[in-house]
Each structure stands twice: as structure tokens, then as C-alpha cells.
Amino acid sequence: MKRPGDGELGELRELRELRELIIFGYLARKSHPKFRSPDTEDTEDTEDMEILTKQQTTNDK
């Protein structure tokens, strides 16, 4: 990625590209289950179920 003679601007460009890749990966995992790791998926599903259960319990009262 880094080209000779880029200096500080080249380093900033490289950091920006890495940041974009990190954000893209985060959004991909967040929006589509195919990109989630198995551990994360189980944890999120359990947390989602707990939230839904709490909401249903408060709505029933």
C-alpha cells in the first residue's frame, strides 16, 4: 500500500484505507449472519432473546 516518497500523507492514506476496511467488516457482520463468527452469533442471539423476554414481561403487566 505504501509508496516511496509519500511521507505523512501516505501514512494517513494507509490508515484511512485500513479504517474503511474495519468499518466495512463491522457493518457486514452486524447486518448479515453469514459474516458473524459462531461465538458472536450465539451470544447476540441469547442477548436478543433476553431483551425480548423482558419486553414481553413488561408488556404483560
PDB file of N, CA and C in Angstrom:
ATOM      1  N   MET A   1       0.801  -1.190   0.000  1.00  0.00           N
ATOM      2  CA  MET A   1       0.000   0.000   0.000  1.00  0.00           C
ATOM      3  C   MET A   1       0.855   1.271   0.000  1.00  0.00           C
ATOM      4  N   LYS A   2       1.919   1.251   0.766  1.00  0.00           N
ATOM      5  CA  LYS A   2       2.734   2.449   0.916  1.00  0.00           C
ATOM      6  C   LYS A   2       3.673   2.598  -0.276  1.00  0.00           C
ATOM      7  N   ARG A   3       3.689   3.803  -0.841  1.00  0.00           N
ATOM      8  CA  ARG A   3       4.559   4.102  -1.970  1.00  0.00           C
ATOM      9  C   ARG A   3       5.741   4.948  -1.499  1.00  0.00           C
ATOM     10  N   PRO A   4       6.891   4.809  -2.143  1.00  0.00           N
ATOM     11  CA  PRO A   4       8.052   5.604  -1.734  1.00  0.00           C
ATOM     12  C   PRO A   4       7.789   7.098  -1.924  1.00  0.00           C
ATOM     13  N   GLY A   5       8.217   7.887  -0.950  1.00  0.00           N
ATOM     14  CA  GLY A   5       8.101   9.332  -1.061  1.00  0.00           C
ATOM     15  C   GLY A   5       6.759   9.899  -0.645  1.00  0.00           C
ATOM     16  N   ASP A   6       5.854   9.073  -0.151  1.00  0.00           N
ATOM     17  CA  ASP A   6       4.544   9.576   0.252  1.00  0.00           C
ATOM     18  C   ASP A   6       4.612  10.371   1.548  1.00  0.00           C
ATOM     19  N   GLY A   7       5.469   9.969   2.438  1.00  0.00           N
ATOM     20  CA  GLY A   7       5.613  10.679   3.703  1.00  0.00           C
ATOM     21  C   GLY A   7       4.382  10.570   4.585  1.00  0.00           C
ATOM     22  N   GLU A   8       4.097  11.662   5.274  1.00  0.00           N
ATOM     23  CA  GLU A   8       2.995  11.662   6.242  1.00  0.00           C
ATOM     24  C   GLU A   8       1.639  11.484   5.564  1.00  0.00           C
ATOM     25  N   LEU A   9       1.457  12.094   4.393  1.00  0.00           N
ATOM     26  CA  LEU A   9       0.185  11.947   3.687  1.00  0.00           C
ATOM     27  C   LEU A   9      -0.059  10.499   3.275  1.00  0.00           C
ATOM     28  N   GLY A  10       0.990   9.813   2.888  1.00  0.00           N
ATOM     29  CA  GLY A  10       0.862   8.399   2.531  1.00  0.00           C
ATOM     30  C   GLY A  10       0.459   7.552   3.719  1.00  0.00           C
ATOM     31  N   GLU A  11       1.029   7.874   4.873  1.00  0.00           N
ATOM     32  CA  GLU A  11       0.668   7.139   6.090  1.00  0.00           C
ATOM     33  C   GLU A  11      -0.791   7.384   6.454  1.00  0.00           C
ATOM     34  N   LEU A  12      -1.235   8.635   6.304  1.00  0.00           N
ATOM     35  CA  LEU A  12      -2.635   8.954   6.596  1.00  0.00           C
ATOM     36  C   LEU A  12      -3.579   8.239   5.630  1.00  0.00           C
ATOM     37  N   ARG A  13      -3.179   8.169   4.364  1.00  0.00           N
ATOM     38  CA  ARG A  13      -3.990   7.471   3.363  1.00  0.00           C
ATOM     39  C   ARG A  13      -4.112   5.990   3.721  1.00  0.00           C
ATOM     40  N   GLU A  14      -2.989   5.416   4.130  1.00  0.00           N
ATOM     41  CA  GLU A  14      -2.979   3.999   4.504  1.00  0.00           C
ATOM     42  C   GLU A  14      -3.874   3.749   5.724  1.00  0.00           C
ATOM     43  N   LEU A  15      -3.796   4.628   6.707  1.00  0.00           N
ATOM     44  CA  LEU A  15      -4.651   4.487   7.892  1.00  0.00           C
ATOM     45  C   LEU A  15      -6.126   4.628   7.531  1.00  0.00           C
ATOM     46  N   ARG A  16      -6.439   5.554   6.614  1.00  0.00           N
ATOM     47  CA  ARG A  16      -7.824   5.739   6.186  1.00  0.00           C
ATOM     48  C   ARG A  16      -8.354   4.470   5.506  1.00  0.00           C
ATOM     49  N   GLU A  17      -7.528   3.866   4.656  1.00  0.00           N
ATOM     50  CA  GLU A  17      -7.938   2.639   3.975  1.00  0.00           C
ATOM     51  C   GLU A  17      -8.176   1.510   4.974  1.00  0.00           C
ATOM     52  N   LEU A  18      -7.302   1.384   5.959  1.00  0.00           N
ATOM     53  CA  LEU A  18      -7.484   0.349   6.978  1.00  0.00           C
ATOM     54  C   LEU A  18      -8.747   0.601   7.791  1.00  0.00           C
ATOM     55  N   ARG A  19      -8.998   1.859   8.121  1.00  0.00           N
ATOM     56  CA  ARG A  19     -10.200   2.227   8.881  1.00  0.00           C
ATOM     57  C   ARG A  19     -11.461   1.848   8.102  1.00  0.00           C
ATOM     58  N   GLU A  20     -11.459   2.133   6.797  1.00  0.00           N
ATOM     59  CA  GLU A  20     -12.607   1.790   5.962  1.00  0.00           C
ATOM     60  C   GLU A  20     -12.838   0.283   5.939  1.00  0.00           C
ATOM     61  N   LEU A  21     -11.770  -0.498   5.870  1.00  0.00           N
ATOM     62  CA  LEU A  21     -11.911  -1.955   5.877  1.00  0.00           C
ATOM     63  C   LEU A  21     -12.484  -2.454   7.199  1.00  0.00           C
ATOM     64  N   ILE A  22     -12.031  -1.863   8.301  1.00  0.00           N
ATOM     65  CA  ILE A  22     -12.535  -2.263   9.618  1.00  0.00           C
ATOM     66  C   ILE A  22     -14.016  -1.934   9.733  1.00  0.00           C
ATOM     67  N   ILE A  23     -14.401  -0.732   9.319  1.00  0.00           N
ATOM     68  CA  ILE A  23     -15.810  -0.329   9.392  1.00  0.00           C
ATOM     69  C   ILE A  23     -16.663  -1.220   8.504  1.00  0.00           C
ATOM     70  N   PHE A  24     -16.189  -1.501   7.285  1.00  0.00           N
ATOM     71  CA  PHE A  24     -16.945  -2.356   6.376  1.00  0.00           C
ATOM     72  C   PHE A  24     -17.157  -3.741   6.981  1.00  0.00           C
ATOM     73  N   GLY A  25     -16.109  -4.302   7.576  1.00  0.00           N
ATOM     74  CA  GLY A  25     -16.227  -5.624   8.195  1.00  0.00           C
ATOM     75  C   GLY A  25     -17.198  -5.621   9.356  1.00  0.00           C
ATOM     76  N   TYR A  26     -17.163  -4.564  10.163  1.00  0.00           N
ATOM     77  CA  TYR A  26     -18.071  -4.455  11.302  1.00  0.00           C
ATOM     78  C   TYR A  26     -19.516  -4.383  10.824  1.00  0.00           C
ATOM     79  N   LEU A  27     -19.773  -3.551   9.825  1.00  0.00           N
ATOM     80  CA  LEU A  27     -21.137  -3.404   9.322  1.00  0.00           C
ATOM     81  C   LEU A  27     -21.619  -4.684   8.645  1.00  0.00           C
ATOM     82  N   ALA A  28     -20.723  -5.388   7.966  1.00  0.00           N
ATOM     83  CA  ALA A  28     -21.103  -6.640   7.317  1.00  0.00           C
ATOM     84  C   ALA A  28     -21.513  -7.681   8.355  1.00  0.00           C
ATOM     85  N   ARG A  29     -20.749  -7.795   9.436  1.00  0.00           N
ATOM     86  CA  ARG A  29     -21.095  -8.757  10.490  1.00  0.00           C
ATOM     87  C   ARG A  29     -22.390  -8.368  11.177  1.00  0.00           C
ATOM     88  N   LYS A  30     -22.590  -7.072  11.356  1.00  0.00           N
ATOM     89  CA  LYS A  30     -23.776  -6.587  12.056  1.00  0.00           C
ATOM     90  C   LYS A  30     -25.040  -6.843  11.233  1.00  0.00           C
ATOM     91  N   SER A  31     -24.947  -6.697   9.914  1.00  0.00           N
ATOM     92  CA  SER A  31     -26.137  -6.764   9.084  1.00  0.00           C
ATOM     93  C   SER A  31     -26.448  -8.155   8.541  1.00  0.00           C
ATOM     94  N   HIS A  32     -25.474  -9.039   8.462  1.00  0.00           N
ATOM     95  CA  HIS A  32     -25.719 -10.335   7.834  1.00  0.00           C
ATOM     96  C   HIS A  32     -25.102 -11.453   8.666  1.00  0.00           C
ATOM     97  N   PRO A  33     -25.906 -12.445   9.050  1.00  0.00           N
ATOM     98  CA  PRO A  33     -25.401 -13.521   9.905  1.00  0.00           C
ATOM     99  C   PRO A  33     -24.286 -14.351   9.273  1.00  0.00           C
ATOM    100  N   LYS A  34     -24.192 -14.361   7.953  1.00  0.00           N
ATOM    101  CA  LYS A  34     -23.164 -15.147   7.274  1.00  0.00           C
ATOM    102  C   LYS A  34     -21.756 -14.690   7.674  1.00  0.00           C
ATOM    103  N   PHE A  35     -21.605 -13.417   8.001  1.00  0.00           N
ATOM    104  CA  PHE A  35     -20.293 -12.860   8.301  1.00  0.00           C
ATOM    105  C   PHE A  35     -19.968 -12.875   9.789  1.00  0.00           C
ATOM    106  N   ARG A  36     -20.860 -13.373  10.619  1.00  0.00           N
ATOM    107  CA  ARG A  36     -20.616 -13.411  12.060  1.00  0.00           C
ATOM    108  C   ARG A  36     -19.839 -14.661  12.429  1.00  0.00           C
ATOM    109  N   SER A  37     -19.043 -14.552  13.458  1.00  0.00           N
ATOM    110  CA  SER A  37     -18.365 -15.740  13.963  1.00  0.00           C
ATOM    111  C   SER A  37     -19.359 -16.538  14.799  1.00  0.00           C
ATOM    112  N   PRO A  38     -19.209 -17.846  14.907  1.00  0.00           N
ATOM    113  CA  PRO A  38     -20.173 -18.667  15.651  1.00  0.00           C
ATOM    114  C   PRO A  38     -20.334 -18.233  17.109  1.00  0.00           C
ATOM    115  N   ASP A  39     -19.249 -17.852  17.772  1.00  0.00           N
ATOM    116  CA  ASP A  39     -19.342 -17.424  19.165  1.00  0.00           C
ATOM    117  C   ASP A  39     -20.165 -16.156  19.295  1.00  0.00           C
ATOM    118  N   THR A  40     -19.926 -15.197  18.429  1.00  0.00           N
ATOM    119  CA  THR A  40     -20.635 -13.920  18.479  1.00  0.00           C
ATOM    120  C   THR A  40     -22.112 -14.124  18.199  1.00  0.00           C
ATOM    121  N   GLU A  41     -22.420 -14.964  17.240  1.00  0.00           N
ATOM    122  CA  GLU A  41     -23.808 -15.191  16.857  1.00  0.00           C
ATOM    123  C   GLU A  41     -24.601 -15.758  18.024  1.00  0.00           C
ATOM    124  N   ASP A  42     -24.048 -16.744  18.719  1.00  0.00           N
ATOM    125  CA  ASP A  42     -24.746 -17.343  19.850  1.00  0.00           C
ATOM    126  C   ASP A  42     -24.968 -16.334  20.959  1.00  0.00           C
ATOM    127  N   THR A  43     -23.971 -15.550  21.257  1.00  0.00           N
ATOM    128  CA  THR A  43     -24.071 -14.559  22.320  1.00  0.00           C
ATOM    129  C   THR A  43     -25.119 -13.518  21.984  1.00  0.00           C
ATOM    130  N   GLU A  44     -25.104 -13.019  20.758  1.00  0.00           N
ATOM    131  CA  GLU A  44     -26.063 -11.999  20.367  1.00  0.00           C
ATOM    132  C   GLU A  44     -27.478 -12.556  20.369  1.00  0.00           C
ATOM    133  N   ASP A  45     -27.664 -13.782  19.902  1.00  0.00           N
ATOM    134  CA  ASP A  45     -28.990 -14.380  19.902  1.00  0.00           C
ATOM    135  C   ASP A  45     -29.519 -14.522  21.318  1.00  0.00           C
ATOM    136  N   THR A  46     -28.676 -14.949  22.238  1.00  0.00           N
ATOM    137  CA  THR A  46     -29.083 -15.105  23.627  1.00  0.00           C
ATOM    138  C   THR A  46     -29.463 -13.760  24.219  1.00  0.00           C
ATOM    139  N   GLU A  47     -28.666 -12.736  23.965  1.00  0.00           N
ATOM    140  CA  GLU A  47     -28.965 -11.402  24.476  1.00  0.00           C
ATOM    141  C   GLU A  47     -30.255 -10.874  23.869  1.00  0.00           C
ATOM    142  N   ASP A  48     -30.464 -11.093  22.574  1.00  0.00           N
ATOM    143  CA  ASP A  48     -31.697 -10.650  21.928  1.00  0.00           C
ATOM    144  C   ASP A  48     -32.907 -11.339  22.538  1.00  0.00           C
ATOM    145  N   MET A  49     -32.798 -12.624  22.805  1.00  0.00           N
ATOM    146  CA  MET A  49     -33.912 -13.357  23.406  1.00  0.00           C
ATOM    147  C   MET A  49     -34.210 -12.838  24.810  1.00  0.00           C
ATOM    148  N   GLU A  50     -33.167 -12.514  25.573  1.00  0.00           N
ATOM    149  CA  GLU A  50     -33.372 -11.973  26.912  1.00  0.00           C
ATOM    150  C   GLU A  50     -34.090 -10.634  26.844  1.00  0.00           C
ATOM    151  N   ILE A  51     -33.713  -9.796  25.897  1.00  0.00           N
ATOM    152  CA  ILE A  51     -34.359  -8.493  25.740  1.00  0.00           C
ATOM    153  C   ILE A  51     -35.819  -8.672  25.357  1.00  0.00           C
ATOM    154  N   LEU A  52     -36.095  -9.570  24.410  1.00  0.00           N
ATOM    155  CA  LEU A  52     -37.478  -9.810  24.004  1.00  0.00           C
ATOM    156  C   LEU A  52     -38.311 -10.348  25.161  1.00  0.00           C
ATOM    157  N   THR A  53     -37.738 -11.242  25.947  1.00  0.00           N
ATOM    158  CA  THR A  53     -38.446 -11.802  27.092  1.00  0.00           C
ATOM    159  C   THR A  53     -38.773 -10.707  28.097  1.00  0.00           C
ATOM    160  N   LYS A  54     -37.824  -9.825  28.371  1.00  0.00           N
ATOM    161  CA  LYS A  54     -38.064  -8.721  29.302  1.00  0.00           C
ATOM    162  C   LYS A  54     -39.148  -7.796  28.774  1.00  0.00           C
ATOM    163  N   GLN A  55     -39.128  -7.506  27.471  1.00  0.00           N
ATOM    164  CA  GLN A  55     -40.135  -6.630  26.880  1.00  0.00           C
ATOM    165  C   GLN A  55     -41.518  -7.262  26.971  1.00  0.00           C
ATOM    166  N   GLN A  56     -41.615  -8.549  26.703  1.00  0.00           N
ATOM    167  CA  GLN A  56     -42.901  -9.231  26.779  1.00  0.00           C
ATOM    168  C   GLN A  56     -43.417  -9.258  28.208  1.00  0.00           C
ATOM    169  N   THR A  57     -42.526  -9.446  29.161  1.00  0.00           N
ATOM    170  CA  THR A  57     -42.910  -9.481  30.565  1.00  0.00           C
ATOM    171  C   THR A  57     -43.455  -8.128  31.002  1.00  0.00           C
ATOM    172  N   THR A  58     -42.802  -7.049  30.602  1.00  0.00           N
ATOM    173  CA  THR A  58     -43.273  -5.718  30.988  1.00  0.00           C
ATOM    174  C   THR A  58     -44.558  -5.357  30.262  1.00  0.00           C
ATOM    175  N   ASN A  59     -44.744  -5.836  29.044  1.00  0.00           N
ATOM    176  CA  ASN A  59     -45.982  -5.571  28.311  1.00  0.00           C
ATOM    177  C   ASN A  59     -47.160  -6.326  28.911  1.00  0.00           C
ATOM    178  N   ASP A  60     -46.912  -7.484  29.496  1.00  0.00           N
ATOM    179  CA  ASP A  60     -47.979  -8.283  30.091  1.00  0.00           C
ATOM    180  C   ASP A  60     -48.510  -7.667  31.379  1.00  0.00           C
ATOM    181  N   LYS A  61     -47.700  -6.858  32.046  1.00  0.00           N
ATOM    182  CA  LYS A  61     -48.108  -6.268  33.330  1.00  0.00           C
ATOM    183  C   LYS A  61     -49.101  -5.187  33.166  1.00  0.00           C
TER     184      LYS A  61
END
